[in-house]
């Protein structure tokens, strides 16, 4: 198969393996990515990870503030791309842009569509207790992740998976599936329409999605904590200050929801049903550390209570 001319739309680390894989096999004539944004304590302008890779590979980069500008559409047409590949770009592509490439626009989506359409499919698949997820290669259309699917791969969700670990695994699976699927796109692959009646949504996470509700069963608390790790971070209030609690493990135990019932094998918190032991903690302004290290410097006594913020 001849090398295709590809415009790649992508921004975060999730897009990097796919960008590398496509660039190794085809000519990526442009990367379209989000503008540099302030990050870290110093709020220094930081490029998206996809832009950093593009710089190393010599790929021209565009960072438009809007995809609706006539000059952006004209520039896309001038590139004469065979294919658009979209991986976690972070913006909706207008129909006029979707219509540009000869072989269509294709999205690497981190769920088993029609489940979890939207910006945060990986996080919500964990939060909602799914036992498996996967990658879909979907032909893009005007609706939110509603297009027909050309290829799918599944992976189980382990009880230890976080949004971070699952995202890393799915990013690799997505890159592999993408390069396997591109020749089939050229040949005119038969796509499978989604069953729209079965769709669920996965909206972008907000900071308040990280608050843990210990009145819920332990398995749900654990799923929430893993689904919001690393961002916004699973959070509770202790003595009026936020504390983040990572690496949850469902254990036996009982007590009033939010009560600390153990502090020797992690920080053990009673839930509505059962309990959760957290293996890592993060105090305000401090680094995330093993629970034993945090508790050695800042004891949290059995009987203390973790709460949610007052609303």
Protein backbone atom coordinates (compact mmCIF):
# COMPACT_ATOMS: atom_id res chain seq x y z
CA UNK A 1 0.00 0.00 0.00
CA UNK A 2 1.28 3.50 -0.91
CA UNK A 3 2.01 5.94 1.87
CA UNK A 4 -1.06 8.05 2.60
CA UNK A 5 -1.14 11.76 3.27
CA UNK A 6 -2.57 12.09 6.78
CA UNK A 7 -3.63 15.04 8.91
CA UNK A 8 -3.53 14.00 12.57
CA UNK A 9 -5.70 15.74 15.16
CA UNK A 10 -4.61 14.99 18.75
CA UNK A 11 -3.35 16.60 21.92
CA UNK A 12 -2.70 14.60 25.16
CA UNK A 13 -0.45 11.66 25.89
CA UNK A 14 -3.21 9.28 24.80
CA UNK A 15 -2.68 10.47 21.21
CA UNK A 16 1.10 10.02 21.15
CA UNK A 17 1.33 6.26 20.37
CA UNK A 18 -1.14 6.62 17.50
CA UNK A 19 0.73 9.61 16.09
CA UNK A 20 4.03 7.71 16.25
CA UNK A 21 2.51 4.62 14.62
CA UNK A 22 0.89 6.55 11.77
CA UNK A 23 4.03 8.62 11.14
CA UNK A 24 6.10 5.43 10.86
CA UNK A 25 3.90 4.09 8.06
CA UNK A 26 2.51 7.18 6.32
CA UNK A 27 3.20 10.84 5.62
CA UNK A 28 1.71 12.98 8.36
CA UNK A 29 1.45 16.33 6.58
CA UNK A 30 0.21 18.21 9.65
CA UNK A 31 -0.59 17.83 13.33
CA UNK A 32 -3.56 19.87 14.51
CA UNK A 33 -3.41 20.19 18.29
CA UNK A 34 -4.58 22.37 21.16
CA UNK A 35 -2.78 25.63 21.97
CA UNK A 36 -0.01 25.57 24.57
CA UNK A 37 -1.47 26.07 28.04
CA UNK A 38 -0.12 27.07 31.48
CA UNK A 39 0.79 24.05 33.59
CA UNK A 40 2.50 23.22 36.87
CA UNK A 41 3.06 25.46 39.86
CA UNK A 42 4.94 27.97 37.74
CA UNK A 43 2.07 28.14 35.23
CA UNK A 44 4.56 28.03 32.37
CA UNK A 45 3.18 27.61 28.86
CA UNK A 46 3.44 23.91 28.08
CA UNK A 47 2.91 22.26 24.68
CA UNK A 48 0.57 19.28 24.32
CA UNK A 49 2.46 15.96 24.31
CA UNK A 50 1.47 15.37 20.68
CA UNK A 51 3.15 18.63 19.69
CA UNK A 52 6.36 17.59 21.42
CA UNK A 53 6.46 14.35 19.41
CA UNK A 54 5.63 16.19 16.18
CA UNK A 55 8.59 18.47 16.77
CA UNK A 56 10.91 15.48 17.08
CA UNK A 57 9.49 13.93 13.90
CA UNK A 58 9.57 17.13 11.87
CA UNK A 59 5.79 17.24 11.42
CA UNK A 60 4.30 20.72 10.79
CA UNK A 61 2.07 21.79 13.68
CA UNK A 62 -1.08 23.89 13.66
CA UNK A 63 -2.72 25.14 16.88
CA UNK A 64 -5.87 26.97 15.80
CA UNK A 65 -8.07 28.63 18.38
CA UNK A 66 -11.10 27.86 16.21
CA UNK A 67 -11.79 25.29 13.51
CA UNK A 68 -14.59 27.40 12.03
CA UNK A 69 -12.34 30.05 10.50
CA UNK A 70 -12.42 30.02 6.68
CA UNK A 71 -8.63 30.14 6.52
CA UNK A 72 -8.35 26.93 8.56
CA UNK A 73 -10.71 25.07 6.22
CA UNK A 74 -8.86 26.41 3.18
CA UNK A 75 -5.55 25.25 4.66
CA UNK A 76 -6.91 21.77 5.27
CA UNK A 77 -8.03 21.53 1.65
CA UNK A 78 -4.62 22.65 0.40
CA UNK A 79 -2.95 19.75 2.22
CA UNK A 80 -4.78 17.28 -0.04
CA UNK A 81 -4.98 14.69 2.74
CA UNK A 82 -6.18 11.19 2.04
CA UNK A 83 -7.16 10.66 5.65
CA UNK A 84 -7.89 12.55 8.85
CA UNK A 85 -7.06 10.69 12.07
CA UNK A 86 -8.51 12.13 15.29
CA UNK A 87 -7.28 10.90 18.68
CA UNK A 88 -8.34 12.85 21.80
CA UNK A 89 -8.03 16.19 20.03
CA UNK A 90 -10.40 17.95 22.42
CA UNK A 91 -12.63 19.84 20.01
CA UNK A 92 -15.56 18.96 17.78
CA UNK A 93 -14.71 19.10 14.08
CA UNK A 94 -17.23 21.06 11.97
CA UNK A 95 -18.92 19.14 9.17
CA UNK A 96 -17.09 21.19 6.53
CA UNK A 97 -13.77 19.96 7.96
CA UNK A 98 -15.00 16.38 8.25
CA UNK A 99 -15.86 16.46 4.54
CA UNK A 100 -12.31 17.30 3.41
CA UNK A 101 -10.30 14.03 3.32
CA UNK A 102 -10.70 11.60 0.42
CA UNK A 103 -10.96 8.53 2.67
CA UNK A 104 -12.84 10.24 5.46
CA UNK A 105 -12.17 11.29 9.06
CA UNK A 106 -11.57 8.45 11.53
CA UNK A 107 -11.49 8.58 15.31
CA UNK A 108 -9.67 6.33 17.78
CA UNK A 109 -12.18 6.23 20.65
CA UNK A 110 -11.43 4.76 24.09
CA UNK A 111 -14.60 2.74 24.72
CA UNK A 112 -16.79 0.02 23.26
CA UNK A 113 -19.28 2.20 21.43
CA UNK A 114 -22.11 2.98 21.81
CA UNK A 115 -21.15 2.93 25.50
CA UNK A 116 -19.42 6.00 26.88
CA UNK A 117 -19.68 8.55 24.13
CA UNK A 118 -17.98 11.78 25.06
CA UNK A 119 -14.81 13.31 26.46
CA UNK A 120 -13.98 10.92 29.33
CA UNK A 121 -14.88 7.35 28.33
CA UNK A 122 -11.96 5.74 30.15
CA UNK A 123 -12.68 7.42 33.47
CA UNK A 124 -16.41 6.70 33.42
CA UNK A 125 -15.96 3.07 32.39
CA UNK A 126 -14.07 2.56 35.67
CA UNK A 127 -16.34 4.74 37.80
CA UNK A 128 -19.42 2.87 36.60
CA UNK A 129 -17.95 -0.52 37.38
CA UNK A 130 -17.50 -1.95 33.87
CA UNK A 131 -15.60 -5.23 33.65
CA UNK A 132 -14.21 -4.52 30.19
CA UNK A 133 -13.66 -1.71 27.73
CA UNK A 134 -11.76 -1.25 24.52
CA UNK A 135 -10.99 0.80 21.43
CA UNK A 136 -13.21 1.56 18.45
CA UNK A 137 -12.07 2.97 15.13
CA UNK A 138 -15.10 5.08 14.19
CA UNK A 139 -15.90 7.06 11.07
CA UNK A 140 -16.68 10.56 12.30
CA UNK A 141 -19.92 12.38 11.61
CA UNK A 142 -21.69 15.42 13.00
CA UNK A 143 -23.09 13.70 16.14
CA UNK A 144 -21.15 13.08 19.35
CA UNK A 145 -19.32 9.78 18.73
CA UNK A 146 -22.31 8.45 16.78
CA UNK A 147 -20.51 7.28 13.64
CA UNK A 148 -20.26 3.70 12.34
CA UNK A 149 -17.44 1.49 13.59
CA UNK A 150 -14.79 -0.14 11.39
CA UNK A 151 -12.80 -2.08 14.01
CA UNK A 152 -12.87 -2.91 17.72
CA UNK A 153 -10.52 -4.42 20.30
CA UNK A 154 -11.42 -5.27 23.90
CA UNK A 155 -9.46 -5.32 27.16
CA UNK A 156 -10.55 -6.26 30.70
CA UNK A 157 -10.68 -3.65 33.45
CA UNK A 158 -8.79 -4.94 36.48
CA UNK A 159 -9.70 -4.08 40.07
CA UNK A 160 -6.37 -2.27 40.27
CA UNK A 161 -6.77 -0.23 37.07
CA UNK A 162 -6.88 3.54 37.36
CA UNK A 163 -7.82 6.01 34.67
CA UNK A 164 -4.09 6.53 34.23
CA UNK A 165 -3.07 2.90 33.81
CA UNK A 166 -6.07 2.04 31.64
CA UNK A 167 -5.50 5.09 29.45
CA UNK A 168 -1.90 4.06 28.86
CA UNK A 169 -2.93 0.53 27.90
CA UNK A 170 -5.73 1.70 25.62
CA UNK A 171 -3.46 4.23 23.92
CA UNK A 172 -1.14 1.40 22.86
CA UNK A 173 -4.04 -0.81 21.76
CA UNK A 174 -5.49 2.10 19.82
CA UNK A 175 -2.25 2.71 17.95
CA UNK A 176 -1.97 -0.97 17.02
CA UNK A 177 -5.59 -1.20 15.89
CA UNK A 178 -5.30 2.02 13.90
CA UNK A 179 -2.35 0.91 11.76
CA UNK A 180 -3.98 -2.49 11.23
CA UNK A 181 -7.21 -0.81 10.12
CA UNK A 182 -5.88 1.86 7.74
CA UNK A 183 -5.30 -0.60 4.84
CA UNK A 184 -8.89 -1.76 5.27
CA UNK A 185 -10.08 1.84 5.09
CA UNK A 186 -8.28 2.21 1.76
CA UNK A 187 -9.93 -1.00 0.51
CA UNK A 188 -13.38 0.26 1.51
CA UNK A 189 -14.02 -1.52 4.81
CA UNK A 190 -17.62 -2.33 5.72
CA UNK A 191 -18.58 -0.34 8.79
CA UNK A 192 -21.10 -1.34 11.46
CA UNK A 193 -23.70 1.24 12.57
CA UNK A 194 -24.02 1.78 16.31
CA UNK A 195 -27.12 0.76 18.23
CA UNK A 196 -28.06 4.26 19.35
CA UNK A 197 -30.68 2.95 21.79
CA UNK A 198 -27.88 1.47 23.92
CA UNK A 199 -25.70 4.55 24.14
CA UNK A 200 -24.37 6.01 27.38
CA UNK A 201 -22.54 9.28 27.92
CA UNK A 202 -19.13 10.04 29.41
CA UNK A 203 -18.96 13.81 30.02
CA UNK A 204 -15.74 15.61 30.78
CA UNK A 205 -14.77 15.25 34.44
CA UNK A 206 -15.16 18.21 36.76
CA UNK A 207 -13.13 18.84 39.91
CA UNK A 208 -16.10 17.93 42.10
CA UNK A 209 -16.26 14.48 40.49
CA UNK A 210 -13.27 13.59 42.65
CA UNK A 211 -15.13 13.85 45.95
CA UNK A 212 -15.66 10.42 47.53
CA UNK A 213 -19.01 9.48 49.04
CA UNK A 214 -18.36 6.93 51.77
CA UNK A 215 -22.08 6.30 52.20
CA UNK A 216 -21.81 4.27 48.98
CA UNK A 217 -20.74 0.59 48.99
CA UNK A 218 -17.00 -0.02 49.15
CA UNK A 219 -16.81 -1.34 45.59
CA UNK A 220 -18.35 1.89 44.27
CA UNK A 221 -16.02 4.04 46.38
CA UNK A 222 -13.04 2.09 45.05
CA UNK A 223 -14.26 2.45 41.46
CA UNK A 224 -14.73 6.20 41.89
CA UNK A 225 -11.27 6.60 43.43
CA UNK A 226 -9.62 4.69 40.58
CA UNK A 227 -11.63 6.45 37.89
CA UNK A 228 -10.52 9.92 39.01
CA UNK A 229 -6.83 8.98 39.41
CA UNK A 230 -4.78 10.95 38.40
CA UNK A 231 -7.25 13.83 37.82
CA UNK A 232 -9.03 15.37 39.62
CA UNK A 233 -7.89 12.95 42.30
CA UNK A 234 -10.03 11.05 44.83
CA UNK A 235 -10.64 13.54 47.63
CA UNK A 236 -12.23 13.79 51.07
CA UNK A 237 -12.15 16.30 53.92
CA UNK A 238 -10.18 15.59 57.10
CA UNK A 239 -10.21 18.13 59.94
CA UNK A 240 -11.40 20.82 57.54
CA UNK A 241 -8.71 20.22 54.92
CA UNK A 242 -8.78 18.14 51.70
CA UNK A 243 -6.90 14.87 51.61
CA UNK A 244 -6.43 12.72 48.52
CA UNK A 245 -6.64 8.95 48.83
CA UNK A 246 -5.18 6.65 46.18
CA UNK A 247 -4.65 2.93 45.50
CA UNK A 248 -7.93 1.68 46.98
CA UNK A 249 -8.50 -1.93 48.00
CA UNK A 250 -11.88 -3.29 49.08
CA UNK A 251 -11.58 -4.98 52.49
CA UNK A 252 -13.85 -6.32 55.20
CA UNK A 253 -14.81 -3.96 57.97
CA UNK A 254 -17.67 -1.89 59.24
CA UNK A 255 -18.34 1.41 60.89
CA UNK A 256 -20.05 4.71 60.28
CA UNK A 257 -19.47 5.81 56.68
CA UNK A 258 -16.25 7.82 56.48
CA UNK A 259 -14.90 6.63 59.84
CA UNK A 260 -11.26 5.55 59.99
CA UNK A 261 -11.30 1.96 61.25
CA UNK A 262 -7.66 1.06 60.61
CA UNK A 263 -4.31 2.79 60.02
CA UNK A 264 -1.68 0.05 59.98
CA UNK A 265 -2.28 -1.56 56.56
CA UNK A 266 -3.07 1.62 54.66
CA UNK A 267 -5.77 4.01 55.77
CA UNK A 268 -8.94 1.93 56.16
CA UNK A 269 -12.22 3.83 55.77
CA UNK A 270 -15.67 2.41 56.50
CA UNK A 271 -18.25 2.70 53.71
CA UNK A 272 -21.99 2.16 53.44
CA UNK A 273 -21.15 -1.51 52.86
CA UNK A 274 -17.68 -2.83 53.67
CA UNK A 275 -14.54 -0.72 53.76
CA UNK A 276 -11.72 0.53 51.56
CA UNK A 277 -8.03 0.55 52.44
CA UNK A 278 -6.07 3.31 50.67
CA UNK A 279 -2.42 2.56 49.98
CA UNK A 280 -1.29 6.08 49.11
CA UNK A 281 -2.21 9.51 50.50
CA UNK A 282 -1.58 13.13 49.60
CA UNK A 283 -1.90 15.97 52.10
CA UNK A 284 -2.43 19.57 50.95
CA UNK A 285 0.72 20.98 49.36
CA UNK A 286 2.57 17.67 49.71
CA UNK A 287 3.56 14.86 47.37
CA UNK A 288 1.62 11.66 46.91
CA UNK A 289 3.29 9.04 49.11
CA UNK A 290 2.70 5.55 50.53
CA UNK A 291 0.17 5.73 53.36
CA UNK A 292 2.70 4.46 55.91
CA UNK A 293 5.08 7.32 55.11
CA UNK A 294 2.34 9.95 55.40
CA UNK A 295 0.94 8.48 58.62
CA UNK A 296 4.40 8.38 60.19
CA UNK A 297 4.61 12.15 59.93
CA UNK A 298 0.95 13.01 60.31
CA UNK A 299 -0.94 10.38 62.32
CA UNK A 300 -4.61 9.92 61.45
CA UNK A 301 -6.23 8.22 64.41
CA UNK A 302 -8.81 5.46 64.33
CA UNK A 303 -12.15 7.13 64.93
CA UNK A 304 -11.35 10.17 62.80
CA UNK A 305 -13.96 10.83 60.12
CA UNK A 306 -13.61 11.72 56.47
CA UNK A 307 -16.41 13.80 54.98
CA UNK A 308 -17.46 15.57 51.81
CA UNK A 309 -17.34 19.38 51.61
CA UNK A 310 -20.37 21.28 52.80
CA UNK A 311 -22.62 22.41 49.97
